[in-house]
Amino acid sequence: MFPIFDLNYLIYMLPALLLGMIAQFYVTSRYNSWSKVPNKAGMTGTQVAQRLMEQYGMYNLTLKGTPGQLTDHYDPRNKTLALSQGIAQNASVASAAIAAHELGHAQQDKDNYLPMRLRSALVPAVNIGTNLGWILIVLGLLIQVSGLAWLGVIAFSAGVVFSLATLPVELNASRRARAMLKTSGVIMTQEEERGVKQVLSAAALTYVAAIITSLAQLLYYVSLIGGRGRRSRR
């Protein structure tokens, strides 16, 4: 039977969960710190986005608000840039960094940036795989059909591939953001550059944590199925 509680699960997952908590704490800390530092240009996140959209010829974008904190995102399907209230209305270094990062994704979309296209192509497989994978794993273990469980592992691994594909896309968007902010004159001082770098580096750590979490969960499933298979052959 599939265990309700398995100590091995904690062994695999606890380090990843701790890293995720550290990453989230670091993001919140850097954001809170630099959201209190005004940018010299005196521009809100919305104004930063508007300037970059105009300067870099991204005229087809729709700019809108989105509820929540740090929920900012770019949707390539409808060319929409969504900024949370704290970013849109605050004229801080953190707001400039995050607004520019999302514009970095819009620039990737405009340039047909291949890694972004590949990540987008993975979305349907990820949606199916992550939902179906664990069901097949549990079912395969319950009815003791290892082939079905391994099929679930293959399906679940789509999420790992997606996490791996996400990191270079996010890092590239941050590099684009820093370049756009400097070239456009939104960021004027080395101190502001340092703040932008800290905010975006902290955000990148969350994607590293997501990769490690996905890998740890996949390895747990592999070890669980492999262990059951070895015991059944004895």
Protein backbone atom coordinates (compact mmCIF):
# COMPACT_ATOMS: atom_id res chain seq x y z
CA MET A 1 0.00 0.00 0.00
CA PHE A 2 1.01 3.64 -0.47
CA PRO A 3 2.11 4.98 2.94
CA ILE A 4 0.14 7.76 4.55
CA PHE A 5 3.31 8.87 6.30
CA ASP A 6 6.79 8.03 5.11
CA LEU A 7 9.90 9.20 6.93
CA ASN A 8 11.82 8.91 3.66
CA TYR A 9 9.60 11.62 2.22
CA LEU A 10 10.81 14.03 4.88
CA ILE A 11 14.40 13.00 4.23
CA TYR A 12 14.05 13.86 0.57
CA MET A 13 11.85 16.92 0.91
CA LEU A 14 12.94 18.69 4.10
CA PRO A 15 16.13 20.24 2.64
CA ALA A 16 14.20 21.46 -0.39
CA LEU A 17 11.41 22.88 1.77
CA LEU A 18 13.94 24.66 3.97
CA LEU A 19 15.63 26.16 0.92
CA GLY A 20 12.24 27.31 -0.35
CA MET A 21 11.52 29.03 2.97
CA ILE A 22 14.94 30.69 2.94
CA ALA A 23 14.44 31.86 -0.64
CA GLN A 24 11.01 33.31 0.15
CA PHE A 25 12.36 35.05 3.23
CA TYR A 26 15.24 36.51 1.20
CA VAL A 27 12.88 37.77 -1.52
CA THR A 28 10.60 39.41 1.04
CA SER A 29 13.56 40.92 2.89
CA ARG A 30 15.15 42.41 -0.25
CA TYR A 31 11.81 43.67 -1.51
CA ASN A 32 10.88 45.27 1.81
CA SER A 33 14.28 46.89 2.06
CA TRP A 34 14.44 48.37 -1.44
CA SER A 35 10.74 49.26 -1.61
CA LYS A 36 11.56 51.90 0.99
CA VAL A 37 14.32 53.44 -1.14
CA PRO A 38 12.97 55.95 -3.70
CA ASN A 39 14.49 55.80 -7.17
CA LYS A 40 16.15 59.04 -8.26
CA ALA A 41 13.89 59.33 -11.31
CA GLY A 42 10.84 59.49 -9.02
CA MET A 43 8.99 57.03 -11.24
CA THR A 44 6.40 54.53 -10.10
CA GLY A 45 6.40 50.99 -11.44
CA THR A 46 3.66 51.98 -13.88
CA GLN A 47 5.67 54.95 -15.14
CA VAL A 48 8.79 52.80 -15.50
CA ALA A 49 6.82 50.27 -17.53
CA GLN A 50 5.35 52.99 -19.74
CA ARG A 51 8.76 54.53 -20.42
CA LEU A 52 10.36 51.19 -21.30
CA MET A 53 7.41 50.18 -23.47
CA GLU A 54 7.76 53.42 -25.44
CA GLN A 55 11.56 53.43 -25.62
CA TYR A 56 11.83 49.82 -26.73
CA GLY A 57 8.91 49.84 -29.15
CA MET A 58 6.56 47.55 -27.23
CA TYR A 59 3.47 49.47 -28.25
CA ASN A 60 1.12 46.49 -28.44
CA LEU A 61 1.20 45.74 -24.71
CA THR A 62 -1.71 46.21 -22.34
CA LEU A 63 -0.82 47.44 -18.87
CA LYS A 64 -3.17 46.52 -16.02
CA GLY A 65 -3.29 46.01 -12.27
CA THR A 66 -3.41 42.69 -10.46
CA PRO A 67 -4.34 41.94 -6.82
CA GLY A 68 -1.88 40.67 -4.25
CA GLN A 69 1.75 41.34 -3.39
CA LEU A 70 4.57 40.43 -5.81
CA THR A 71 2.03 38.88 -8.17
CA ASP A 72 3.40 40.85 -11.11
CA HIS A 73 3.60 38.92 -14.38
CA TYR A 74 3.62 39.10 -18.15
CA ASP A 75 1.15 37.03 -20.16
CA PRO A 76 2.40 36.39 -23.72
CA ARG A 77 -0.96 35.01 -24.80
CA ASN A 78 -2.67 38.39 -24.69
CA LYS A 79 0.40 40.66 -24.46
CA THR A 80 -0.60 41.89 -21.02
CA LEU A 81 1.71 43.25 -18.34
CA ALA A 82 0.10 43.01 -14.89
CA LEU A 83 1.55 44.98 -11.96
CA SER A 84 0.51 44.62 -8.34
CA GLN A 85 -0.56 47.76 -6.50
CA GLY A 86 2.62 47.97 -4.45
CA ILE A 87 4.75 47.94 -7.59
CA ALA A 88 2.49 50.03 -9.81
CA GLN A 89 2.07 52.93 -7.37
CA ASN A 90 5.39 52.98 -5.53
CA ALA A 91 8.34 55.02 -6.87
CA SER A 92 11.02 52.80 -5.37
CA VAL A 93 14.10 50.94 -6.57
CA ALA A 94 12.27 47.64 -6.00
CA SER A 95 9.29 48.77 -8.09
CA ALA A 96 11.55 49.78 -10.96
CA ALA A 97 13.39 46.44 -10.81
CA ILE A 98 10.25 44.29 -10.82
CA ALA A 99 8.41 46.31 -13.47
CA ALA A 100 11.50 46.15 -15.71
CA HIS A 101 11.84 42.41 -15.14
CA GLU A 102 8.33 41.82 -16.45
CA LEU A 103 9.13 44.07 -19.41
CA GLY A 104 12.14 41.82 -19.93
CA HIS A 105 9.69 38.97 -20.53
CA ALA A 106 7.73 41.15 -22.95
CA GLN A 107 10.96 41.89 -24.80
CA GLN A 108 11.71 38.17 -24.94
CA ASP A 109 8.29 37.64 -26.47
CA LYS A 110 8.88 40.39 -29.01
CA ASP A 111 12.27 38.89 -29.95
CA ASN A 112 10.86 35.34 -30.19
CA TYR A 113 13.38 34.29 -27.57
CA LEU A 114 13.72 30.53 -28.04
CA PRO A 115 13.95 29.43 -24.37
CA MET A 116 10.74 31.33 -23.65
CA ARG A 117 9.03 29.60 -26.59
CA LEU A 118 10.19 26.23 -25.34
CA ARG A 119 8.91 26.93 -21.83
CA SER A 120 5.54 28.03 -23.18
CA ALA A 121 5.33 24.86 -25.25
CA LEU A 122 5.82 22.78 -22.10
CA VAL A 123 2.83 24.27 -20.28
CA PRO A 124 0.17 21.80 -21.57
CA ALA A 125 2.39 18.80 -20.76
CA VAL A 126 3.12 20.18 -17.31
CA ASN A 127 -0.54 20.80 -16.52
CA ILE A 128 -1.41 17.22 -17.46
CA GLY A 129 1.73 15.57 -16.08
CA THR A 130 1.75 17.09 -12.61
CA ASN A 131 -1.93 16.30 -12.06
CA LEU A 132 -1.92 12.85 -13.64
CA GLY A 133 1.54 11.74 -12.57
CA TRP A 134 1.00 11.33 -8.85
CA ILE A 135 -2.36 9.63 -9.47
CA LEU A 136 -0.69 7.01 -11.66
CA ILE A 137 2.08 6.56 -9.11
CA VAL A 138 -0.34 6.00 -6.21
CA LEU A 139 -2.58 3.74 -8.30
CA GLY A 140 0.37 1.73 -9.56
CA LEU A 141 1.64 1.20 -6.02
CA LEU A 142 -1.79 0.30 -4.67
CA ILE A 143 -2.49 -2.34 -7.31
CA GLN A 144 1.20 -3.32 -7.45
CA VAL A 145 1.66 -2.61 -11.14
CA SER A 146 5.12 -1.07 -11.32
CA GLY A 147 4.80 -0.18 -15.00
CA LEU A 148 1.86 2.09 -14.23
CA ALA A 149 3.78 3.73 -11.38
CA TRP A 150 6.80 4.34 -13.62
CA LEU A 151 4.49 5.87 -16.22
CA GLY A 152 3.38 8.26 -13.49
CA VAL A 153 7.01 9.17 -12.78
CA ILE A 154 7.54 9.97 -16.46
CA ALA A 155 4.44 12.16 -16.48
CA PHE A 156 5.44 13.86 -13.23
CA SER A 157 8.93 14.61 -14.58
CA ALA A 158 7.38 17.17 -16.95
CA GLY A 159 7.21 19.52 -13.98
CA VAL A 160 10.93 19.09 -13.36
CA VAL A 161 11.71 19.85 -16.99
CA PHE A 162 9.53 22.96 -16.78
CA SER A 163 11.35 24.17 -13.67
CA LEU A 164 14.69 23.67 -15.40
CA ALA A 165 13.46 25.54 -18.48
CA THR A 166 12.14 28.41 -16.36
CA LEU A 167 15.43 29.39 -14.71
CA PRO A 168 17.32 30.59 -17.84
CA VAL A 169 14.23 32.50 -18.99
CA GLU A 170 14.02 34.33 -15.67
CA LEU A 171 17.75 35.05 -15.52
CA ASN A 172 17.67 36.45 -19.04
CA ALA A 173 14.66 38.66 -18.22
CA SER A 174 16.59 40.07 -15.25
CA ARG A 175 19.63 40.80 -17.41
CA ARG A 176 17.40 42.57 -19.91
CA ALA A 177 15.75 44.53 -17.08
CA ARG A 178 19.05 45.81 -15.72
CA ALA A 179 20.20 46.85 -19.19
CA MET A 180 16.92 48.63 -19.99
CA LEU A 181 16.87 50.49 -16.68
CA LYS A 182 20.41 51.72 -17.14
CA THR A 183 20.08 52.66 -20.81
CA SER A 184 16.75 54.44 -20.31
CA GLY A 185 18.09 56.53 -17.43
CA VAL A 186 15.54 55.24 -14.93
CA ILE A 187 18.37 53.99 -12.73
CA MET A 188 21.08 56.62 -12.29
CA THR A 189 23.41 55.63 -9.47
CA GLN A 190 25.54 52.64 -8.50
CA GLU A 191 23.50 52.31 -5.32
CA GLU A 192 20.32 51.95 -7.34
CA GLU A 193 22.02 49.40 -9.59
CA ARG A 194 23.01 47.44 -6.49
CA GLY A 195 19.42 47.51 -5.26
CA VAL A 196 18.05 46.30 -8.60
CA LYS A 197 20.58 43.48 -8.67
CA GLN A 198 19.74 42.39 -5.12
CA VAL A 199 15.98 42.35 -5.77
CA LEU A 200 16.30 40.38 -9.00
CA SER A 201 18.91 37.97 -7.61
CA ALA A 202 16.63 37.21 -4.67
CA ALA A 203 13.79 36.44 -7.06
CA ALA A 204 16.06 34.11 -9.05
CA LEU A 205 16.76 32.11 -5.89
CA THR A 206 13.09 31.14 -5.69
CA TYR A 207 13.37 29.47 -9.10
CA VAL A 208 16.45 27.55 -7.97
CA ALA A 209 14.47 26.39 -4.94
CA ALA A 210 11.61 25.30 -7.22
CA ILE A 211 14.00 23.17 -9.29
CA ILE A 212 15.43 21.48 -6.19
CA THR A 213 11.94 20.86 -4.79
CA SER A 214 10.75 19.28 -8.04
CA LEU A 215 13.86 17.11 -8.29
CA ALA A 216 13.59 16.00 -4.65
CA GLN A 217 9.97 14.96 -5.09
CA LEU A 218 10.79 13.10 -8.31
CA LEU A 219 13.70 11.29 -6.65
CA TYR A 220 11.45 10.31 -3.76
CA TYR A 221 8.95 8.73 -6.14
CA VAL A 222 11.75 6.93 -7.99
CA SER A 223 13.18 5.55 -4.73
CA LEU A 224 9.72 4.52 -3.53
CA ILE A 225 8.85 2.62 -6.69
CA GLY A 226 12.34 1.17 -7.00
CA GLY A 227 12.24 -0.04 -3.38
CA ARG A 228 8.87 -1.68 -3.88
CA GLY A 229 10.16 -3.38 -7.01
CA ARG A 230 13.22 -4.81 -5.23
CA ARG A 231 11.13 -6.13 -2.34
CA SER A 232 8.64 -7.79 -4.71
CA ARG A 233 11.45 -9.75 -6.39
CA ARG A 234 12.74 -11.24 -3.15
